[in-house]
């Protein structure tokens, strides 16, 4: 029995060492997706907030506020994806949730913008 204890791998006996890590490419993929969406969001925000003709109304302010919230959520998701802790599967899932939430808020803001511009 003493030999069995010596031959056991410490990683299999310690749950902290058996951390489930992501396959190669997952973190790079989410970082790319976040930066692409963030780039689009910032470009649209610049057009909508500074270059689009017309007067500010309450509806345009609501759509702009929604876009700002989406950009804020995307920055949080990008920050989370760049942390070392995000290599763990559980942290990665939380980061993906932040990213999906930011994308949903962005779509909502774009819908508000379409309604305002029509």
Protein backbone atom coordinates (compact mmCIF):
# COMPACT_ATOMS: atom_id res chain seq x y z
CA UNK A 1 0.00 0.00 0.00
CA UNK A 2 2.86 2.36 0.70
CA UNK A 3 4.08 1.85 -2.86
CA UNK A 4 0.70 2.91 -4.23
CA UNK A 5 1.00 6.21 -2.37
CA UNK A 6 4.43 6.80 -3.87
CA UNK A 7 3.33 6.08 -7.42
CA UNK A 8 0.27 8.31 -7.33
CA UNK A 9 0.53 11.48 -9.33
CA UNK A 10 0.15 14.59 -7.13
CA UNK A 11 -2.00 16.19 -9.80
CA UNK A 12 -4.61 13.46 -9.49
CA UNK A 13 -4.77 13.64 -5.69
CA UNK A 14 -4.93 17.44 -5.39
CA UNK A 15 -8.09 18.96 -6.94
CA UNK A 16 -6.43 22.36 -7.24
CA UNK A 17 -3.81 20.91 -9.58
CA UNK A 18 -6.38 19.20 -11.81
CA UNK A 19 -7.72 22.48 -13.09
CA UNK A 20 -9.52 22.04 -16.36
CA UNK A 21 -7.74 24.16 -18.95
CA UNK A 22 -8.95 25.28 -22.33
CA UNK A 23 -7.90 23.72 -25.60
CA UNK A 24 -5.43 25.71 -27.70
CA UNK A 25 -6.99 28.59 -29.59
CA UNK A 26 -10.06 29.22 -27.44
CA UNK A 27 -8.67 32.28 -25.67
CA UNK A 28 -7.26 33.71 -28.89
CA UNK A 29 -10.63 33.19 -30.57
CA UNK A 30 -12.62 34.98 -27.89
CA UNK A 31 -10.14 37.85 -27.77
CA UNK A 32 -10.43 38.25 -31.54
CA UNK A 33 -14.22 38.13 -31.43
CA UNK A 34 -14.38 40.70 -28.64
CA UNK A 35 -12.00 43.11 -30.37
CA UNK A 36 -13.86 42.85 -33.69
CA UNK A 37 -17.19 43.60 -32.00
CA UNK A 38 -15.62 46.36 -29.91
CA UNK A 39 -14.12 47.95 -33.03
CA UNK A 40 -17.51 47.89 -34.75
CA UNK A 41 -19.21 49.29 -31.65
CA UNK A 42 -16.75 52.17 -31.34
CA UNK A 43 -17.00 52.99 -35.06
CA UNK A 44 -20.80 52.96 -34.95
CA UNK A 45 -20.80 55.02 -31.76
CA UNK A 46 -18.55 57.60 -33.42
CA UNK A 47 -20.89 57.82 -36.42
CA UNK A 48 -24.08 57.82 -34.37
CA UNK A 49 -22.86 60.25 -31.73
CA UNK A 50 -20.76 62.67 -33.75
CA UNK A 51 -21.34 62.41 -37.48
CA UNK A 52 -25.01 61.56 -38.04
CA UNK A 53 -27.16 64.51 -39.02
CA UNK A 54 -30.18 65.50 -36.98
CA UNK A 55 -31.09 66.67 -33.52
CA UNK A 56 -30.76 64.75 -30.30
CA UNK A 57 -34.03 63.34 -29.01
CA UNK A 58 -34.83 61.19 -26.01
CA UNK A 59 -34.91 58.12 -28.29
CA UNK A 60 -31.49 58.87 -29.74
CA UNK A 61 -30.12 59.39 -26.23
CA UNK A 62 -31.55 56.01 -25.16
CA UNK A 63 -29.98 54.24 -28.13
CA UNK A 64 -26.66 55.99 -27.48
CA UNK A 65 -26.79 55.05 -23.80
CA UNK A 66 -27.47 51.44 -24.73
CA UNK A 67 -24.47 51.49 -27.06
CA UNK A 68 -22.28 52.90 -24.30
CA UNK A 69 -23.40 50.11 -21.96
CA UNK A 70 -22.60 47.52 -24.65
CA UNK A 71 -19.12 49.01 -25.13
CA UNK A 72 -18.56 48.96 -21.38
CA UNK A 73 -19.57 45.28 -21.21
CA UNK A 74 -17.26 44.47 -24.12
CA UNK A 75 -14.35 46.13 -22.35
CA UNK A 76 -15.09 44.06 -19.24
CA UNK A 77 -15.18 40.89 -21.36
CA UNK A 78 -11.89 41.87 -23.02
CA UNK A 79 -10.30 42.54 -19.64
CA UNK A 80 -11.48 39.17 -18.35
CA UNK A 81 -10.22 37.35 -21.44
CA UNK A 82 -6.72 38.81 -21.04
CA UNK A 83 -6.33 37.64 -17.43
CA UNK A 84 -4.31 34.51 -16.67
CA UNK A 85 -7.23 33.11 -14.68
CA UNK A 86 -9.30 32.96 -17.87
CA UNK A 87 -7.32 29.89 -18.93
CA UNK A 88 -9.50 27.92 -16.51
CA UNK A 89 -12.65 26.57 -18.07
CA UNK A 90 -15.00 27.99 -15.41
CA UNK A 91 -13.56 31.51 -15.79
CA UNK A 92 -13.69 31.23 -19.57
CA UNK A 93 -17.40 30.37 -19.39
CA UNK A 94 -18.03 33.51 -17.31
CA UNK A 95 -16.11 35.59 -19.85
CA UNK A 96 -18.18 34.15 -22.69
CA UNK A 97 -21.32 35.05 -20.73
CA UNK A 98 -20.10 38.66 -20.39
CA UNK A 99 -19.39 38.72 -24.13
CA UNK A 100 -22.81 37.32 -25.08
CA UNK A 101 -24.48 39.83 -22.76
CA UNK A 102 -22.55 42.67 -24.42
CA UNK A 103 -23.56 41.43 -27.87
CA UNK A 104 -27.22 41.26 -26.82
CA UNK A 105 -27.12 44.81 -25.44
CA UNK A 106 -25.40 45.96 -28.64
CA UNK A 107 -28.15 44.44 -30.78
CA UNK A 108 -30.74 46.14 -28.59
CA UNK A 109 -28.96 49.48 -29.01
CA UNK A 110 -28.78 49.00 -32.77
CA UNK A 111 -32.50 48.24 -32.87
CA UNK A 112 -33.17 51.43 -30.92
CA UNK A 113 -31.00 53.32 -33.41
CA UNK A 114 -32.91 51.86 -36.36
CA UNK A 115 -36.22 52.85 -34.81
CA UNK A 116 -34.91 56.36 -34.13
CA UNK A 117 -33.55 56.86 -37.64
CA UNK A 118 -36.72 55.63 -39.38
